[in-house]
Protein backbone atom coordinates (compact mmCIF):
# COMPACT_ATOMS: atom_id res chain seq x y z
CA MET A 1 0.16 -0.02 0.11
CA LYS A 2 1.31 3.23 -0.83
CA LYS A 3 1.92 5.84 1.98
CA VAL A 4 0.03 9.30 1.96
CA PRO A 5 1.99 12.17 2.73
CA MET A 6 0.86 14.29 6.32
CA THR A 7 2.45 17.14 8.09
CA MET A 8 3.45 16.95 11.41
CA GLU A 9 0.45 19.32 12.53
CA GLY A 10 -1.77 17.02 10.71
CA GLU A 11 -0.81 14.42 12.25
CA ALA A 12 -1.43 15.85 15.62
CA ARG A 13 -4.73 17.14 14.83
CA LEU A 14 -5.99 13.66 13.91
CA ARG A 15 -4.31 12.13 16.80
CA GLU A 16 -5.97 14.78 18.95
CA GLU A 17 -9.46 14.05 17.60
CA LEU A 18 -8.71 10.41 17.80
CA ASN A 19 -7.94 10.74 21.83
CA HIS A 20 -11.22 13.16 22.04
CA LEU A 21 -13.23 10.39 20.34
CA LYS A 22 -11.89 7.45 22.49
CA THR A 23 -11.44 9.40 26.00
CA VAL A 24 -14.55 11.74 25.67
CA VAL A 25 -17.42 10.56 23.02
CA ARG A 26 -17.30 7.14 23.14
CA PRO A 27 -17.68 6.75 26.83
CA ARG A 28 -20.67 9.45 27.10
CA VAL A 29 -22.27 7.63 24.02
CA ILE A 30 -21.90 4.12 25.89
CA ALA A 31 -23.51 5.64 29.20
CA ASP A 32 -26.16 7.24 26.78
CA ILE A 33 -27.21 3.97 25.28
CA ALA A 34 -26.97 2.18 28.95
CA GLU A 35 -29.52 5.24 30.32
CA ALA A 36 -31.72 4.52 27.30
CA ARG A 37 -31.84 0.82 27.67
CA GLU A 38 -33.08 1.44 31.32
CA HIS A 39 -36.37 3.28 29.93
CA GLY A 40 -37.68 -0.15 28.24
CA ASP A 41 -39.00 -1.10 25.05
CA LEU A 42 -36.19 -0.58 22.55
CA LYS A 43 -38.25 -0.63 19.54
CA GLU A 44 -39.86 2.62 20.65
CA ASN A 45 -37.14 4.27 22.05
CA ALA A 46 -35.98 7.17 20.50
CA GLU A 47 -32.93 8.13 22.77
CA TYR A 48 -31.75 4.40 22.50
CA HIS A 49 -31.75 4.61 18.50
CA ALA A 50 -30.31 8.16 18.34
CA ALA A 51 -27.48 7.18 20.70
CA ARG A 52 -26.97 4.11 18.81
CA GLU A 53 -26.55 5.93 15.52
CA GLU A 54 -24.41 8.69 17.38
CA GLN A 55 -22.10 5.39 18.54
CA GLY A 56 -21.91 3.86 14.67
CA PHE A 57 -20.44 7.94 13.91
CA CYS A 58 -18.13 7.77 16.24
CA GLU A 59 -16.93 4.22 15.85
CA GLY A 60 -16.58 5.01 11.86
CA ARG A 61 -14.70 7.96 12.46
CA ILE A 62 -12.56 6.30 14.83
CA SER A 63 -11.62 3.60 12.01
CA GLU A 64 -11.37 5.99 9.62
CA ILE A 65 -8.77 8.07 11.64
CA GLU A 66 -6.87 5.21 12.53
CA GLY A 67 -6.77 3.94 9.04
CA LYS A 68 -5.31 7.44 7.72
CA LEU A 69 -2.61 7.51 10.41
CA SER A 70 -1.61 4.06 9.66
CA ASP A 71 -1.52 4.92 6.04
CA SER A 72 0.54 7.89 6.41
CA GLN A 73 3.91 8.95 5.94
CA VAL A 74 4.56 11.73 8.43
CA ILE A 75 6.90 14.51 7.12
CA ASP A 76 8.61 17.12 9.23
CA VAL A 77 9.56 19.49 6.95
CA LYS A 78 11.69 21.53 9.52
CA SER A 79 14.08 18.71 9.24
CA ILE A 80 14.70 18.77 5.66
CA PRO A 81 17.65 21.17 4.91
CA HIS A 82 16.40 24.11 2.88
CA THR A 83 17.52 24.21 -0.87
CA GLY A 84 15.20 26.55 -2.30
CA LYS A 85 13.13 23.86 -3.79
CA VAL A 86 9.33 23.42 -3.20
CA ILE A 87 8.60 20.21 -1.49
CA PHE A 88 6.00 18.76 0.11
CA GLY A 89 5.29 20.54 3.77
CA THR A 90 6.82 23.80 2.05
CA THR A 91 5.29 27.48 2.49
CA VAL A 92 5.60 28.77 -0.66
CA THR A 93 5.18 32.63 -1.85
CA LEU A 94 4.13 33.15 -5.20
CA PHE A 95 4.12 36.21 -7.23
CA ASN A 96 1.34 36.40 -10.04
CA VAL A 97 3.03 37.95 -13.08
CA ASP A 98 0.00 39.48 -14.69
CA THR A 99 -1.52 40.91 -11.44
CA GLU A 100 1.76 41.67 -9.39
CA GLU A 101 0.06 40.36 -6.54
CA THR A 102 1.35 37.69 -4.21
CA VAL A 103 0.02 34.59 -2.70
CA THR A 104 1.17 31.93 0.16
CA TYR A 105 0.39 28.60 0.06
CA LYS A 106 1.51 25.44 2.48
CA ILE A 107 1.61 22.38 0.80
CA VAL A 108 -0.27 19.77 2.77
CA GLY A 109 -1.74 16.34 2.45
CA ASP A 110 -5.16 15.68 1.08
CA ASP A 111 -6.96 15.64 4.65
CA GLU A 112 -5.27 18.71 5.88
CA SER A 113 -5.93 20.95 3.00
CA ASP A 114 -7.89 24.29 3.88
CA VAL A 115 -8.02 26.85 0.77
CA LYS A 116 -9.10 29.72 3.32
CA ALA A 117 -6.15 28.71 5.52
CA LYS A 118 -3.62 29.09 2.37
CA LYS A 119 -3.00 25.11 2.77
CA ILE A 120 -3.46 23.31 -0.59
CA SER A 121 -2.93 19.50 -1.20
CA TYR A 122 -0.01 18.20 -3.02
CA ALA A 123 -2.51 16.73 -5.48
CA SER A 124 -3.98 19.92 -6.34
CA PRO A 125 -3.25 21.85 -9.94
CA ILE A 126 -1.08 24.49 -8.26
CA ALA A 127 1.04 22.24 -6.02
CA LYS A 128 1.62 19.55 -8.73
CA ALA A 129 2.81 22.60 -10.89
CA ILE A 130 5.32 24.20 -8.31
CA ILE A 131 6.53 21.02 -6.70
CA GLY A 132 10.16 20.26 -7.56
CA LYS A 133 10.70 23.78 -8.97
CA MET A 134 13.07 26.18 -7.46
CA GLU A 135 12.99 29.79 -5.90
CA GLY A 136 12.96 32.37 -8.87
CA ASP A 137 11.48 29.66 -11.33
CA GLU A 138 8.50 30.72 -13.43
CA VAL A 139 5.57 28.48 -13.51
CA ALA A 140 2.53 28.67 -15.74
CA ILE A 141 -0.21 27.06 -14.06
CA GLN A 142 -3.72 25.94 -15.94
CA ILE A 143 -6.80 27.14 -14.05
CA PRO A 144 -10.17 27.21 -14.92
CA ALA A 145 -10.17 30.66 -15.58
CA GLY A 146 -7.12 29.73 -18.32
CA GLU A 147 -3.25 30.09 -17.82
CA VAL A 148 -1.80 31.97 -14.93
CA VAL A 149 1.97 32.56 -14.57
CA TYR A 150 3.66 32.58 -11.32
CA GLU A 151 7.19 33.32 -9.95
CA ILE A 152 8.15 31.34 -7.13
CA GLU A 153 9.31 34.19 -4.72
CA THR A 154 9.99 32.17 -1.33
CA VAL A 155 10.21 28.72 -0.12
CA GLU A 156 10.26 28.25 3.80
CA HIS A 157 10.54 25.38 5.66
CA ILE A 158 8.38 26.62 8.66
């Protein structure tokens, strides 16, 4: 099985969520089911069915997170020597040659991407176009609105 890249921050966030689900949510749901069982007839017990449904979601998410963590290759970009080359985990500032605007993105794993937070997936068109390039390189990127030319201003390992 191919390992999926993930940043240290992404791994920490998933482990935090997993811990919360196992230590807070799961015990609460089990208690809710036990309490609902005490109310008698399970066929017409809405609290019981709601608690069982929540238990299904909780257990499903626990399995999903455990799977993602076991399939991931955690990359600590801070431990990789800075060469000016765009790699997974780097924070890249791009200069739009046409509009003269700059934009900064961090290249992260699929589960971590959040465009509003300027975190883009390594599988996104922009990341695919700039990975492997160096500071100072110009890159033409095909986007839905056409082609955009960026110059890679800085590559940071933060």
